Structures are given as C-alpha cells and as structure tokens.
C-alpha cells in the first residue's frame, strides 16, 4: 500500500481521516486505560516473576563468557 501524502490535505480532510481511523477495530495488545492500567499496576506489584539462575540450564557464549539467556 503506497504511503499517502498528507501534506497536501486540508484540515477538514485530515480530521475526517483521523476520525475514520479511530473507528477501526484494533488488533493486538490494546489496553483499556480507564479500567485495566490501574488493575495491572496493582497486580504487577505482587505477581511479577522473579528470575533465578539455574546453572544446569545455563547457556553461555564461550568467546565472551556471557549468558545468552
């Protein structure tokens, strides 16, 4: 899909286009900021995973001796 040259559009056309885009369905991870953000923040305080090193599962780069994971 070729990119549109919005620089030639007048204000009324731009506003109409933005309103059309806002009505589209959204796919992917979409936060309902009014309801979800605060709940997520509260849950994240107590439920974040704590990562610990497990030497037998260690994968390192032999040249730099750095962990890959």
N, C-alpha and C. Protein backbone atom coordinates (compact mmCIF):
# COMPACT_ATOMS: atom_id res chain seq x y z
N UNK A 1 0.83 -1.17 0.00
CA UNK A 1 0.00 0.00 0.00
C UNK A 1 0.89 1.24 0.00
N UNK A 2 0.79 2.09 -0.99
CA UNK A 2 1.65 3.27 -1.05
C UNK A 2 1.28 4.27 0.05
N UNK A 3 2.30 4.98 0.52
CA UNK A 3 2.06 5.97 1.56
C UNK A 3 1.35 7.18 0.97
N UNK A 4 0.47 7.76 1.77
CA UNK A 4 -0.28 8.92 1.32
C UNK A 4 0.51 10.19 1.64
N UNK A 5 0.35 11.20 0.79
CA UNK A 5 1.00 12.48 1.02
C UNK A 5 0.01 13.38 1.74
N UNK A 6 0.08 13.35 3.08
CA UNK A 6 -0.87 14.11 3.89
C UNK A 6 -0.57 15.61 3.88
N UNK A 7 0.59 16.00 3.40
CA UNK A 7 0.95 17.41 3.41
C UNK A 7 0.06 18.25 2.50
N UNK A 8 -0.60 17.60 1.56
CA UNK A 8 -1.46 18.32 0.63
C UNK A 8 -2.92 18.37 1.08
N UNK A 9 -3.24 17.69 2.16
CA UNK A 9 -4.61 17.64 2.65
C UNK A 9 -4.92 18.89 3.47
N UNK A 10 -6.15 19.34 3.40
CA UNK A 10 -6.54 20.47 4.25
C UNK A 10 -6.98 19.93 5.61
N UNK A 11 -7.20 20.83 6.54
CA UNK A 11 -7.53 20.47 7.92
C UNK A 11 -8.78 19.60 8.01
N UNK A 12 -9.79 19.93 7.23
CA UNK A 12 -11.05 19.17 7.27
C UNK A 12 -10.84 17.73 6.82
N UNK A 13 -10.06 17.53 5.76
CA UNK A 13 -9.77 16.17 5.27
C UNK A 13 -8.98 15.38 6.30
N UNK A 14 -8.00 16.03 6.94
CA UNK A 14 -7.19 15.34 7.94
C UNK A 14 -8.03 14.91 9.14
N UNK A 15 -8.91 15.79 9.60
CA UNK A 15 -9.77 15.45 10.73
C UNK A 15 -10.70 14.30 10.37
N UNK A 16 -11.27 14.32 9.18
CA UNK A 16 -12.16 13.24 8.74
C UNK A 16 -11.40 11.92 8.67
N UNK A 17 -10.17 11.97 8.18
CA UNK A 17 -9.36 10.74 8.07
C UNK A 17 -9.02 10.19 9.46
N UNK A 18 -8.66 11.05 10.38
CA UNK A 18 -8.34 10.62 11.74
C UNK A 18 -9.57 10.00 12.40
N UNK A 19 -10.72 10.61 12.22
CA UNK A 19 -11.95 10.06 12.80
C UNK A 19 -12.26 8.69 12.22
N UNK A 20 -12.01 8.51 10.94
CA UNK A 20 -12.22 7.21 10.30
C UNK A 20 -11.27 6.17 10.88
N UNK A 21 -10.01 6.55 11.07
CA UNK A 21 -9.02 5.63 11.63
C UNK A 21 -9.36 5.24 13.06
N UNK A 22 -9.90 6.18 13.84
CA UNK A 22 -10.24 5.89 15.23
C UNK A 22 -11.41 4.92 15.35
N UNK A 23 -12.23 4.80 14.33
CA UNK A 23 -13.37 3.89 14.36
C UNK A 23 -12.98 2.46 14.00
N UNK A 24 -11.79 2.27 13.45
CA UNK A 24 -11.33 0.94 13.05
C UNK A 24 -11.20 0.02 14.26
N UNK A 25 -11.34 -1.28 14.00
CA UNK A 25 -11.07 -2.26 15.05
C UNK A 25 -9.58 -2.27 15.31
N UNK A 26 -9.23 -2.48 16.56
CA UNK A 26 -7.83 -2.53 16.95
C UNK A 26 -7.46 -3.97 17.24
N UNK A 27 -6.35 -4.41 16.70
CA UNK A 27 -5.88 -5.77 16.92
C UNK A 27 -4.56 -5.72 17.67
N UNK A 28 -4.29 -6.77 18.43
CA UNK A 28 -3.05 -6.82 19.18
C UNK A 28 -3.32 -6.54 20.64
N UNK A 29 -2.30 -6.10 21.33
CA UNK A 29 -2.43 -5.78 22.74
C UNK A 29 -2.92 -4.35 22.86
N UNK A 30 -4.14 -4.20 23.27
CA UNK A 30 -4.74 -2.89 23.42
C UNK A 30 -5.20 -2.75 24.86
N UNK A 31 -4.70 -1.73 25.57
CA UNK A 31 -5.06 -1.51 26.96
C UNK A 31 -6.30 -0.64 27.04
N UNK A 32 -7.22 -1.05 27.86
CA UNK A 32 -8.35 -0.21 28.21
C UNK A 32 -7.85 0.63 29.39
N UNK A 33 -7.29 1.79 29.07
CA UNK A 33 -6.58 2.57 30.08
C UNK A 33 -7.45 2.99 31.26
N UNK A 34 -8.71 3.21 31.04
CA UNK A 34 -9.57 3.63 32.13
C UNK A 34 -9.79 2.54 33.16
N UNK A 35 -9.76 1.28 32.73
CA UNK A 35 -10.09 0.18 33.62
C UNK A 35 -8.90 -0.71 33.92
N UNK A 36 -8.07 -0.99 32.92
CA UNK A 36 -7.06 -2.03 33.05
C UNK A 36 -5.74 -1.55 33.63
N UNK A 37 -5.30 -0.36 33.28
CA UNK A 37 -3.97 0.06 33.68
C UNK A 37 -3.78 -0.01 35.19
N UNK A 38 -4.69 0.54 35.96
CA UNK A 38 -4.53 0.54 37.41
C UNK A 38 -4.56 -0.87 37.97
N UNK A 39 -5.45 -1.71 37.46
CA UNK A 39 -5.53 -3.08 37.94
C UNK A 39 -4.24 -3.82 37.62
N UNK A 40 -3.69 -3.62 36.41
CA UNK A 40 -2.44 -4.27 36.03
C UNK A 40 -1.30 -3.81 36.94
N UNK A 41 -1.24 -2.51 37.19
CA UNK A 41 -0.18 -1.98 38.05
C UNK A 41 -0.24 -2.60 39.44
N UNK A 42 -1.45 -2.72 39.98
CA UNK A 42 -1.61 -3.31 41.31
C UNK A 42 -1.20 -4.79 41.31
N UNK A 43 -1.62 -5.51 40.30
CA UNK A 43 -1.27 -6.94 40.23
C UNK A 43 0.22 -7.13 40.01
N UNK A 44 0.83 -6.25 39.24
CA UNK A 44 2.25 -6.38 38.93
C UNK A 44 3.12 -6.18 40.16
N UNK A 45 2.65 -5.41 41.12
CA UNK A 45 3.44 -5.20 42.34
C UNK A 45 3.66 -6.51 43.09
N UNK A 46 2.68 -7.39 43.09
CA UNK A 46 2.77 -8.63 43.86
C UNK A 46 2.99 -9.88 43.01
N UNK A 47 2.84 -9.79 41.71
CA UNK A 47 2.85 -11.00 40.91
C UNK A 47 3.96 -11.05 39.85
N UNK A 48 4.91 -10.15 39.91
CA UNK A 48 5.99 -10.21 38.92
C UNK A 48 6.84 -11.45 39.16
N UNK A 49 7.21 -12.15 38.09
CA UNK A 49 8.06 -13.32 38.28
C UNK A 49 9.47 -12.91 38.70
N UNK A 50 10.06 -13.70 39.56
CA UNK A 50 11.43 -13.45 39.99
C UNK A 50 12.29 -14.50 39.31
N UNK A 51 13.22 -14.03 38.51
CA UNK A 51 14.08 -14.94 37.76
C UNK A 51 15.30 -15.30 38.60
N UNK A 52 15.62 -16.57 38.62
CA UNK A 52 16.81 -17.03 39.33
C UNK A 52 17.67 -17.83 38.38
N UNK A 53 18.96 -17.82 38.61
CA UNK A 53 19.88 -18.58 37.76
C UNK A 53 19.83 -20.05 38.13
N UNK A 54 19.78 -20.89 37.10
CA UNK A 54 19.82 -22.34 37.28
C UNK A 54 21.02 -22.82 36.48
N UNK A 55 22.14 -23.08 37.16
CA UNK A 55 23.39 -23.39 36.46
C UNK A 55 23.29 -24.53 35.44
N UNK A 56 22.49 -25.55 35.72
CA UNK A 56 22.43 -26.66 34.76
C UNK A 56 21.71 -26.30 33.47
N UNK A 57 20.94 -25.20 33.44
CA UNK A 57 20.28 -24.75 32.22
C UNK A 57 21.00 -23.57 31.58
N UNK A 58 22.16 -23.26 32.06
CA UNK A 58 22.90 -22.09 31.61
C UNK A 58 23.39 -22.27 30.17
N UNK A 59 23.19 -21.25 29.37
CA UNK A 59 23.72 -21.23 28.00
C UNK A 59 24.60 -19.99 27.91
N UNK A 60 25.87 -20.19 27.61
CA UNK A 60 26.78 -19.05 27.53
C UNK A 60 27.48 -19.00 26.19
N UNK A 61 27.96 -17.83 25.86
CA UNK A 61 28.77 -17.65 24.67
C UNK A 61 30.21 -17.91 25.10
N UNK A 62 30.81 -18.95 24.58
CA UNK A 62 32.15 -19.36 25.03
C UNK A 62 33.21 -18.28 24.78
N UNK A 63 33.05 -17.47 23.74
CA UNK A 63 34.06 -16.45 23.41
C UNK A 63 34.03 -15.29 24.40
N UNK A 64 32.87 -14.91 24.84
CA UNK A 64 32.77 -13.75 25.74
C UNK A 64 32.43 -14.15 27.16
N UNK A 65 32.07 -15.42 27.36
CA UNK A 65 31.65 -15.93 28.66
C UNK A 65 30.47 -15.14 29.24
N UNK A 66 29.56 -14.71 28.36
CA UNK A 66 28.35 -14.01 28.78
C UNK A 66 27.16 -14.94 28.64
N UNK A 67 26.20 -14.75 29.52
CA UNK A 67 24.97 -15.51 29.43
C UNK A 67 24.16 -15.05 28.23
N UNK A 68 23.61 -15.98 27.48
CA UNK A 68 22.74 -15.66 26.36
C UNK A 68 21.32 -15.48 26.89
N UNK A 69 20.93 -16.31 27.82
CA UNK A 69 19.59 -16.19 28.42
C UNK A 69 19.75 -15.69 29.84
